[in-house]
Structures are given as structure tokens and as C-alpha cells.
N, C-alpha and C. Protein backbone atom coordinates (compact mmCIF):
# COMPACT_ATOMS: atom_id res chain seq x y z
N UNK A 1 11.09 -19.76 -8.46
CA UNK A 1 11.16 -19.55 -7.03
C UNK A 1 9.85 -18.93 -6.57
N UNK A 2 9.50 -19.24 -5.33
CA UNK A 2 8.28 -18.68 -4.76
C UNK A 2 8.65 -17.90 -3.50
N UNK A 3 8.22 -16.64 -3.43
CA UNK A 3 8.43 -15.81 -2.25
C UNK A 3 7.22 -15.98 -1.35
N UNK A 4 7.39 -16.73 -0.26
CA UNK A 4 6.27 -17.05 0.63
C UNK A 4 5.77 -15.84 1.40
N UNK A 5 6.61 -14.84 1.58
CA UNK A 5 6.19 -13.63 2.30
C UNK A 5 5.27 -12.77 1.44
N UNK A 6 5.61 -12.64 0.16
CA UNK A 6 4.83 -11.80 -0.76
C UNK A 6 3.88 -12.61 -1.63
N UNK A 7 3.97 -13.94 -1.59
CA UNK A 7 3.14 -14.82 -2.42
C UNK A 7 3.27 -14.49 -3.91
N UNK A 8 4.53 -14.48 -4.35
CA UNK A 8 4.80 -14.22 -5.77
C UNK A 8 5.82 -15.24 -6.28
N UNK A 9 5.73 -15.51 -7.58
CA UNK A 9 6.70 -16.34 -8.27
C UNK A 9 7.70 -15.44 -8.98
N UNK A 10 8.93 -15.92 -9.13
CA UNK A 10 9.92 -15.32 -10.03
C UNK A 10 10.71 -16.48 -10.63
N UNK A 11 11.21 -16.27 -11.82
CA UNK A 11 12.10 -17.25 -12.45
C UNK A 11 13.51 -16.72 -12.34
N UNK A 12 14.44 -17.57 -11.87
CA UNK A 12 15.85 -17.20 -11.73
C UNK A 12 16.67 -18.18 -12.56
N UNK A 13 17.64 -17.66 -13.31
CA UNK A 13 18.47 -18.50 -14.16
C UNK A 13 19.35 -19.42 -13.31
N UNK A 14 19.33 -20.70 -13.62
CA UNK A 14 20.19 -21.68 -12.95
C UNK A 14 21.55 -21.65 -13.64
N UNK A 15 22.52 -21.03 -12.99
CA UNK A 15 23.85 -20.91 -13.58
C UNK A 15 24.77 -22.05 -13.14
N UNK A 16 24.22 -23.03 -12.44
CA UNK A 16 25.00 -24.19 -12.05
C UNK A 16 25.07 -25.21 -13.18
N UNK A 17 24.24 -25.04 -14.18
CA UNK A 17 24.21 -25.92 -15.35
C UNK A 17 24.62 -25.10 -16.58
N UNK A 18 24.94 -25.80 -17.65
CA UNK A 18 25.27 -25.14 -18.91
C UNK A 18 24.07 -24.31 -19.38
N UNK A 19 24.30 -23.08 -19.76
CA UNK A 19 23.23 -22.21 -20.27
C UNK A 19 23.19 -22.40 -21.79
N UNK A 20 22.07 -22.92 -22.32
CA UNK A 20 22.00 -23.23 -23.76
C UNK A 20 21.68 -22.02 -24.64
N UNK A 21 22.28 -20.89 -24.31
CA UNK A 21 22.02 -19.67 -25.06
C UNK A 21 23.21 -18.74 -24.81
N UNK A 22 23.35 -17.75 -25.62
CA UNK A 22 24.38 -16.73 -25.42
C UNK A 22 23.67 -15.49 -24.90
N UNK A 23 24.05 -15.04 -23.71
CA UNK A 23 23.44 -13.86 -23.12
C UNK A 23 24.23 -12.63 -23.52
N UNK A 24 23.54 -11.70 -24.18
CA UNK A 24 24.17 -10.49 -24.67
C UNK A 24 23.69 -9.28 -23.87
N UNK A 25 24.61 -8.36 -23.55
CA UNK A 25 24.20 -7.18 -22.78
C UNK A 25 23.34 -6.23 -23.62
N UNK A 26 22.29 -5.74 -22.98
CA UNK A 26 21.44 -4.71 -23.59
C UNK A 26 21.69 -3.39 -22.87
N UNK A 27 21.82 -3.50 -21.55
CA UNK A 27 22.18 -2.39 -20.66
C UNK A 27 23.15 -2.96 -19.64
N UNK A 28 23.64 -2.12 -18.74
CA UNK A 28 24.60 -2.59 -17.73
C UNK A 28 24.07 -3.76 -16.91
N UNK A 29 22.79 -3.74 -16.61
CA UNK A 29 22.22 -4.79 -15.75
C UNK A 29 21.08 -5.55 -16.44
N UNK A 30 21.14 -5.60 -17.76
CA UNK A 30 20.11 -6.27 -18.54
C UNK A 30 20.76 -7.09 -19.64
N UNK A 31 20.42 -8.39 -19.66
CA UNK A 31 20.94 -9.30 -20.67
C UNK A 31 19.78 -9.90 -21.45
N UNK A 32 20.05 -10.29 -22.69
CA UNK A 32 19.04 -10.95 -23.50
C UNK A 32 19.66 -12.16 -24.17
N UNK A 33 18.92 -13.27 -24.16
CA UNK A 33 19.38 -14.47 -24.83
C UNK A 33 19.35 -14.26 -26.34
N UNK A 34 20.46 -14.56 -26.99
CA UNK A 34 20.56 -14.37 -28.44
C UNK A 34 19.50 -15.18 -29.18
N UNK A 35 19.31 -16.44 -28.78
CA UNK A 35 18.30 -17.29 -29.42
C UNK A 35 16.92 -17.09 -28.79
N UNK A 36 16.88 -17.16 -27.49
CA UNK A 36 15.60 -17.20 -26.79
C UNK A 36 14.90 -15.86 -26.70
N UNK A 37 15.68 -14.79 -26.62
CA UNK A 37 15.07 -13.48 -26.38
C UNK A 37 14.68 -13.28 -24.93
N UNK A 38 14.97 -14.27 -24.07
CA UNK A 38 14.67 -14.11 -22.64
C UNK A 38 15.51 -12.95 -22.10
N UNK A 39 14.87 -12.05 -21.36
CA UNK A 39 15.56 -10.88 -20.81
C UNK A 39 15.77 -11.09 -19.32
N UNK A 40 17.02 -10.95 -18.89
CA UNK A 40 17.39 -11.15 -17.50
C UNK A 40 17.93 -9.87 -16.89
N UNK A 41 17.44 -9.54 -15.71
CA UNK A 41 17.95 -8.43 -14.92
C UNK A 41 19.02 -8.98 -13.99
N UNK A 42 20.18 -8.35 -13.98
CA UNK A 42 21.24 -8.74 -13.07
C UNK A 42 20.98 -8.02 -11.75
N UNK A 43 20.53 -8.75 -10.77
CA UNK A 43 20.15 -8.19 -9.48
C UNK A 43 21.38 -8.10 -8.57
N UNK A 44 22.02 -6.95 -8.59
CA UNK A 44 23.27 -6.76 -7.84
C UNK A 44 23.05 -6.84 -6.33
N UNK A 45 21.84 -6.56 -5.86
CA UNK A 45 21.56 -6.64 -4.42
C UNK A 45 21.46 -8.08 -3.93
N UNK A 46 21.35 -9.02 -4.85
CA UNK A 46 21.22 -10.44 -4.48
C UNK A 46 22.24 -11.28 -5.23
N UNK A 47 23.50 -10.97 -5.03
CA UNK A 47 24.62 -11.77 -5.55
C UNK A 47 24.61 -11.88 -7.07
N UNK A 48 24.15 -10.82 -7.74
CA UNK A 48 24.12 -10.76 -9.21
C UNK A 48 23.33 -11.89 -9.86
N UNK A 49 22.33 -12.40 -9.15
CA UNK A 49 21.53 -13.45 -9.80
C UNK A 49 20.76 -12.85 -10.96
N UNK A 50 20.49 -13.69 -11.91
CA UNK A 50 19.82 -13.25 -13.13
C UNK A 50 18.34 -13.64 -13.05
N UNK A 51 17.51 -12.62 -12.96
CA UNK A 51 16.07 -12.80 -12.81
C UNK A 51 15.42 -12.60 -14.17
N UNK A 52 14.61 -13.58 -14.59
CA UNK A 52 13.88 -13.44 -15.84
C UNK A 52 12.83 -12.35 -15.67
N UNK A 53 12.96 -11.27 -16.45
CA UNK A 53 11.98 -10.20 -16.33
C UNK A 53 11.04 -10.14 -17.53
N UNK A 54 11.45 -10.74 -18.65
CA UNK A 54 10.60 -10.62 -19.84
C UNK A 54 10.93 -11.70 -20.87
N UNK A 55 9.94 -11.97 -21.70
CA UNK A 55 10.13 -12.85 -22.86
C UNK A 55 9.76 -12.06 -24.11
N UNK A 56 10.29 -12.49 -25.22
CA UNK A 56 10.04 -11.83 -26.51
C UNK A 56 8.58 -12.06 -26.92
N UNK A 57 7.89 -10.99 -27.25
CA UNK A 57 6.48 -11.06 -27.63
C UNK A 57 6.20 -11.92 -28.83
N UNK A 58 7.09 -11.89 -29.82
CA UNK A 58 6.87 -12.69 -31.03
C UNK A 58 6.83 -14.18 -30.70
N UNK A 59 7.63 -14.60 -29.72
CA UNK A 59 7.60 -16.01 -29.32
C UNK A 59 6.28 -16.37 -28.65
N UNK A 60 5.76 -15.45 -27.84
CA UNK A 60 4.48 -15.69 -27.18
C UNK A 60 3.35 -15.77 -28.20
N UNK A 61 3.38 -14.88 -29.19
CA UNK A 61 2.34 -14.86 -30.23
C UNK A 61 2.38 -16.15 -31.04
N UNK A 62 3.59 -16.61 -31.38
CA UNK A 62 3.74 -17.83 -32.17
C UNK A 62 3.56 -19.09 -31.33
N UNK A 63 3.59 -18.94 -30.00
CA UNK A 63 3.52 -20.08 -29.08
C UNK A 63 4.65 -21.07 -29.41
N UNK A 64 5.86 -20.53 -29.55
CA UNK A 64 6.99 -21.36 -29.92
C UNK A 64 7.79 -21.82 -28.70
N UNK A 65 8.90 -22.45 -28.95
CA UNK A 65 9.73 -23.03 -27.90
C UNK A 65 10.18 -22.00 -26.87
N UNK A 66 10.30 -20.74 -27.26
CA UNK A 66 10.80 -19.68 -26.37
C UNK A 66 9.68 -18.78 -25.83
N UNK A 67 8.49 -19.33 -25.70
CA UNK A 67 7.36 -18.52 -25.21
C UNK A 67 7.31 -18.47 -23.69
N UNK A 68 8.36 -18.86 -23.04
CA UNK A 68 8.46 -18.82 -21.59
C UNK A 68 8.81 -20.17 -21.02
N UNK A 69 9.30 -20.20 -19.78
CA UNK A 69 9.78 -21.46 -19.20
C UNK A 69 8.70 -22.38 -18.66
N UNK A 70 7.45 -21.99 -18.68
CA UNK A 70 6.41 -22.81 -18.05
C UNK A 70 6.33 -24.21 -18.63
N UNK A 71 6.58 -24.38 -19.91
CA UNK A 71 6.47 -25.70 -20.53
C UNK A 71 7.43 -26.72 -19.92
N UNK A 72 8.47 -26.23 -19.26
CA UNK A 72 9.46 -27.12 -18.68
C UNK A 72 9.17 -27.44 -17.21
N UNK A 73 8.03 -27.04 -16.69
CA UNK A 73 7.68 -27.34 -15.30
C UNK A 73 7.47 -28.85 -15.18
N UNK A 74 8.21 -29.45 -14.26
CA UNK A 74 8.20 -30.91 -14.13
C UNK A 74 6.99 -31.41 -13.34
N UNK A 75 6.12 -32.15 -14.00
CA UNK A 75 4.94 -32.69 -13.35
C UNK A 75 5.27 -33.82 -12.38
N UNK A 76 6.42 -34.44 -12.53
CA UNK A 76 6.73 -35.58 -11.67
C UNK A 76 7.06 -35.18 -10.23
N UNK A 77 7.09 -33.89 -9.92
CA UNK A 77 7.35 -33.45 -8.55
C UNK A 77 6.15 -32.77 -7.89
N UNK A 78 4.98 -32.85 -8.51
CA UNK A 78 3.83 -32.12 -7.97
C UNK A 78 3.43 -32.59 -6.57
N UNK A 79 3.55 -33.87 -6.28
CA UNK A 79 3.18 -34.35 -4.95
C UNK A 79 4.18 -33.86 -3.90
N UNK A 80 5.43 -33.86 -4.26
CA UNK A 80 6.48 -33.42 -3.34
C UNK A 80 6.44 -31.91 -3.10
N UNK A 81 6.27 -31.15 -4.17
CA UNK A 81 6.32 -29.69 -4.08
C UNK A 81 4.96 -29.07 -3.78
N UNK A 82 3.89 -29.72 -4.22
CA UNK A 82 2.52 -29.22 -4.08
C UNK A 82 2.38 -27.83 -4.71
N UNK A 83 2.77 -27.77 -5.99
CA UNK A 83 2.79 -26.51 -6.74
C UNK A 83 1.44 -25.82 -6.79
N UNK A 84 0.35 -26.57 -6.78
CA UNK A 84 -0.97 -25.93 -6.86
C UNK A 84 -1.24 -25.05 -5.64
N UNK A 85 -0.69 -25.40 -4.51
CA UNK A 85 -0.86 -24.55 -3.31
C UNK A 85 -0.19 -23.20 -3.51
N UNK A 86 1.00 -23.20 -4.12
CA UNK A 86 1.69 -21.94 -4.39
C UNK A 86 0.95 -21.13 -5.45
N UNK A 87 0.41 -21.81 -6.45
CA UNK A 87 -0.37 -21.12 -7.48
C UNK A 87 -1.57 -20.40 -6.85
N UNK A 88 -2.24 -21.07 -5.92
CA UNK A 88 -3.41 -20.50 -5.27
C UNK A 88 -3.03 -19.36 -4.33
N UNK A 89 -1.88 -19.45 -3.71
CA UNK A 89 -1.42 -18.34 -2.85
C UNK A 89 -1.07 -17.12 -3.69
N UNK A 90 -0.48 -17.35 -4.87
CA UNK A 90 -0.13 -16.24 -5.75
C UNK A 90 -1.37 -15.63 -6.41
N UNK A 91 -2.38 -16.45 -6.66
CA UNK A 91 -3.62 -16.01 -7.31
C UNK A 91 -4.81 -16.61 -6.56
N UNK A 92 -5.27 -15.94 -5.50
CA UNK A 92 -6.36 -16.50 -4.69
C UNK A 92 -7.63 -16.83 -5.48
N UNK A 93 -7.82 -16.23 -6.65
CA UNK A 93 -9.01 -16.56 -7.46
C UNK A 93 -8.98 -18.00 -7.95
N UNK A 94 -7.83 -18.67 -7.82
CA UNK A 94 -7.71 -20.07 -8.24
C UNK A 94 -8.13 -21.06 -7.16
N UNK A 95 -8.35 -20.59 -5.95
CA UNK A 95 -8.66 -21.49 -4.84
C UNK A 95 -9.90 -22.33 -5.18
N UNK A 96 -9.71 -23.65 -5.09
CA UNK A 96 -10.80 -24.59 -5.38
C UNK A 96 -11.09 -24.79 -6.85
N UNK A 97 -10.28 -24.19 -7.73
CA UNK A 97 -10.57 -24.27 -9.17
C UNK A 97 -9.52 -25.03 -9.96
N UNK A 98 -8.43 -25.51 -9.28
CA UNK A 98 -7.39 -26.23 -10.00
C UNK A 98 -7.05 -27.54 -9.28
N UNK A 99 -6.54 -28.49 -10.08
CA UNK A 99 -6.09 -29.75 -9.48
C UNK A 99 -4.62 -29.62 -9.08
N UNK A 100 -4.03 -30.70 -8.63
CA UNK A 100 -2.66 -30.64 -8.12
C UNK A 100 -1.62 -30.30 -9.21
N UNK A 101 -1.97 -30.47 -10.47
CA UNK A 101 -1.07 -30.15 -11.58
C UNK A 101 -1.26 -28.71 -12.09
N UNK A 102 -2.27 -28.03 -11.58
CA UNK A 102 -2.56 -26.68 -12.05
C UNK A 102 -3.55 -26.63 -13.19
N UNK A 103 -4.21 -27.76 -13.48
CA UNK A 103 -5.27 -27.76 -14.49
C UNK A 103 -6.56 -27.27 -13.86
N UNK A 104 -7.28 -26.43 -14.60
CA UNK A 104 -8.57 -25.96 -14.12
C UNK A 104 -9.55 -27.12 -14.02
N UNK A 105 -10.32 -27.15 -12.97
CA UNK A 105 -11.34 -28.18 -12.82
C UNK A 105 -12.67 -27.72 -13.40
N UNK A 106 -12.76 -26.43 -13.74
CA UNK A 106 -14.01 -25.90 -14.30
C UNK A 106 -13.86 -25.51 -15.78
N UNK A 107 -12.77 -25.93 -16.41
CA UNK A 107 -12.53 -25.69 -17.84
C UNK A 107 -11.86 -26.93 -18.41
N UNK A 108 -12.17 -27.27 -19.62
CA UNK A 108 -11.58 -28.46 -20.25
C UNK A 108 -10.15 -28.18 -20.71
N UNK A 109 -9.22 -29.04 -20.30
CA UNK A 109 -7.82 -29.02 -20.75
C UNK A 109 -7.18 -27.63 -20.75
N UNK A 110 -7.37 -26.88 -19.71
CA UNK A 110 -6.79 -25.55 -19.60
C UNK A 110 -5.96 -25.51 -18.32
N UNK A 111 -4.73 -25.06 -18.46
CA UNK A 111 -3.78 -25.09 -17.34
C UNK A 111 -3.32 -23.68 -16.97
N UNK A 112 -3.10 -23.48 -15.69
CA UNK A 112 -2.57 -22.21 -15.19
C UNK A 112 -1.15 -22.04 -15.70
N UNK A 113 -0.85 -20.87 -16.17
CA UNK A 113 0.50 -20.55 -16.62
C UNK A 113 1.20 -19.73 -15.54
N UNK A 114 2.34 -20.21 -15.10
CA UNK A 114 3.15 -19.45 -14.15
C UNK A 114 4.04 -18.55 -14.99
N UNK A 115 3.61 -17.33 -15.17
CA UNK A 115 4.31 -16.41 -16.07
C UNK A 115 4.53 -15.05 -15.41
N UNK A 116 5.38 -15.02 -14.39
CA UNK A 116 5.64 -13.76 -13.70
C UNK A 116 6.71 -12.93 -14.41
N UNK A 117 6.40 -12.51 -15.61
CA UNK A 117 7.34 -11.72 -16.39
C UNK A 117 6.57 -10.92 -17.43
N UNK A 118 7.24 -9.95 -17.98
CA UNK A 118 6.70 -9.05 -18.98
C UNK A 118 6.87 -9.68 -20.37
N UNK A 119 6.01 -9.33 -21.29
CA UNK A 119 6.14 -9.74 -22.69
C UNK A 119 6.46 -8.48 -23.48
N UNK A 120 7.66 -8.46 -24.07
CA UNK A 120 8.10 -7.25 -24.77
C UNK A 120 8.11 -7.44 -26.28
N UNK A 121 7.83 -6.35 -26.98
CA UNK A 121 7.88 -6.36 -28.44
C UNK A 121 8.97 -5.43 -28.97
N UNK A 122 9.44 -4.51 -28.12
CA UNK A 122 10.54 -3.62 -28.50
C UNK A 122 11.52 -3.52 -27.34
N UNK A 123 12.77 -3.24 -27.67
CA UNK A 123 13.78 -3.05 -26.62
C UNK A 123 13.47 -1.81 -25.79
N UNK A 124 12.83 -0.83 -26.40
CA UNK A 124 12.44 0.38 -25.67
C UNK A 124 11.44 0.04 -24.56
N UNK A 125 10.44 -0.78 -24.87
CA UNK A 125 9.46 -1.13 -23.83
C UNK A 125 10.10 -2.02 -22.76
N UNK A 126 11.05 -2.86 -23.16
CA UNK A 126 11.77 -3.69 -22.19
C UNK A 126 12.57 -2.81 -21.23
N UNK A 127 13.28 -1.83 -21.77
CA UNK A 127 14.05 -0.90 -20.93
C UNK A 127 13.15 -0.12 -20.00
N UNK A 128 11.99 0.30 -20.50
CA UNK A 128 11.03 1.03 -19.67
C UNK A 128 10.52 0.15 -18.54
N UNK A 129 10.23 -1.11 -18.83
CA UNK A 129 9.75 -2.03 -17.81
C UNK A 129 10.80 -2.23 -16.72
N UNK A 130 12.05 -2.44 -17.12
CA UNK A 130 13.11 -2.63 -16.13
C UNK A 130 13.31 -1.38 -15.29
N UNK A 131 13.30 -0.21 -15.91
CA UNK A 131 13.47 1.03 -15.15
C UNK A 131 12.37 1.18 -14.10
N UNK A 132 11.14 0.87 -14.47
CA UNK A 132 10.03 0.97 -13.52
C UNK A 132 10.16 -0.08 -12.42
N UNK A 133 10.62 -1.26 -12.78
CA UNK A 133 10.80 -2.32 -11.77
C UNK A 133 11.84 -1.89 -10.74
N UNK A 134 12.94 -1.32 -11.20
CA UNK A 134 14.00 -0.91 -10.29
C UNK A 134 13.57 0.24 -9.38
N UNK A 135 12.62 1.06 -9.85
CA UNK A 135 12.12 2.17 -9.04
C UNK A 135 11.02 1.73 -8.07
N UNK A 136 10.46 0.56 -8.29
CA UNK A 136 9.35 0.07 -7.46
C UNK A 136 9.84 -0.24 -6.04
N UNK A 137 8.90 -0.14 -5.10
CA UNK A 137 9.21 -0.47 -3.71
C UNK A 137 9.72 -1.91 -3.59
N UNK A 138 9.08 -2.81 -4.32
CA UNK A 138 9.52 -4.21 -4.36
C UNK A 138 9.65 -4.61 -5.84
N UNK A 139 10.89 -4.56 -6.38
CA UNK A 139 11.08 -4.87 -7.80
C UNK A 139 10.55 -6.25 -8.19
N UNK A 140 10.72 -7.25 -7.33
CA UNK A 140 10.25 -8.59 -7.67
C UNK A 140 8.74 -8.64 -7.79
N UNK A 141 8.07 -7.94 -6.92
CA UNK A 141 6.60 -7.92 -7.00
C UNK A 141 6.17 -7.24 -8.29
N UNK A 142 6.85 -6.16 -8.65
CA UNK A 142 6.54 -5.46 -9.90
C UNK A 142 6.76 -6.40 -11.09
N UNK A 143 7.91 -7.07 -11.12
CA UNK A 143 8.23 -7.99 -12.22
C UNK A 143 7.18 -9.10 -12.31
N UNK A 144 6.77 -9.61 -11.15
CA UNK A 144 5.83 -10.74 -11.14
C UNK A 144 4.47 -10.39 -11.73
N UNK A 145 4.12 -9.10 -11.78
CA UNK A 145 2.84 -8.72 -12.40
C UNK A 145 2.90 -8.86 -13.91
N UNK A 146 4.11 -8.71 -14.47
CA UNK A 146 4.30 -8.88 -15.90
C UNK A 146 3.67 -7.82 -16.77
N UNK A 147 3.45 -6.65 -16.22
CA UNK A 147 2.83 -5.61 -17.07
C UNK A 147 3.21 -4.22 -16.58
N UNK A 148 3.12 -3.28 -17.51
CA UNK A 148 3.30 -1.88 -17.16
C UNK A 148 1.99 -1.38 -16.56
N UNK A 149 2.08 -0.50 -15.57
CA UNK A 149 0.84 0.01 -14.98
C UNK A 149 0.05 0.85 -15.98
N UNK A 150 -1.25 0.84 -15.83
CA UNK A 150 -2.11 1.67 -16.68
C UNK A 150 -1.95 3.13 -16.29
N UNK A 151 -1.88 3.97 -17.29
CA UNK A 151 -1.75 5.41 -17.02
C UNK A 151 -3.04 6.11 -17.24
């Protein structure tokens, strides 16, 4: 999903289709996929939708099937959706540097990754990230940065 007011992306679980994973509770409002390690925040203020807040770090390091949902972005809708415009709104440094598919025009075979989530290596850091997101003025904007603030 793209928030046009804040110019941020978030991933929300589509619960209208079969979920190919078992979501296990970590905290009252935090679930983790048993296979995927995808961590979802249950956003009670928005009809309990499940917002992807983090992916398992080991998957990102291995670049495996569960390294985030970006690999499933459908290229056959780029003309209809014009995804590159949203990418540029979310990251103005991309303006004039990507094609309609999100490939850089100034780098060989390199594509923008839509990854508005945290990469966690421990459940403690995941819990800390969620706690900070919930305390933020705009939790979605915090989540979309995908990182803990520097101290």
C-alpha cells in the first residue's frame, strides 16, 4: 500500500486469500510466520489489519525465498499502476534515475527494493522496534524507515 499523504509504502497482509504460513503470537499484537519469519503488527486502530513490520535477518543475509515480499511485485501492472512514480515520491533521490519497472538507469541490472520494514536478528530487537513504532507520532512512517534510530 502507498500512503499518498505521507509518501510512504507499507505491506499489509491480504487475508482474503489463503495464508501459506502459520502465524504464531509473539506478543499480544505481534505475530510471526512460523516458516517465513515475517513479523506482523496487529493494528487495532485500523480494523486489526496485519502490517508487515519486519523480516528475519537470516533470510535477508541468505537472500532466500523469505527475504521480503518485493520479489512478488507484479511487473505486468506497471503501466496501469505506474509504480515508479510512487517509488520516486517515497524516495525523491530516485527522480530521473529509474525506469517504469524500478530499474536504475544509471546502474547495470540494479532494481529499487520496496522494503518498508525492519530486518531483525533477535526477538528482543523486534520487540524493541515494535515498541518504538507504537510510541511514534506516526507508527506507519516509523515502520517504513525500517530501522531503529541512531542513539
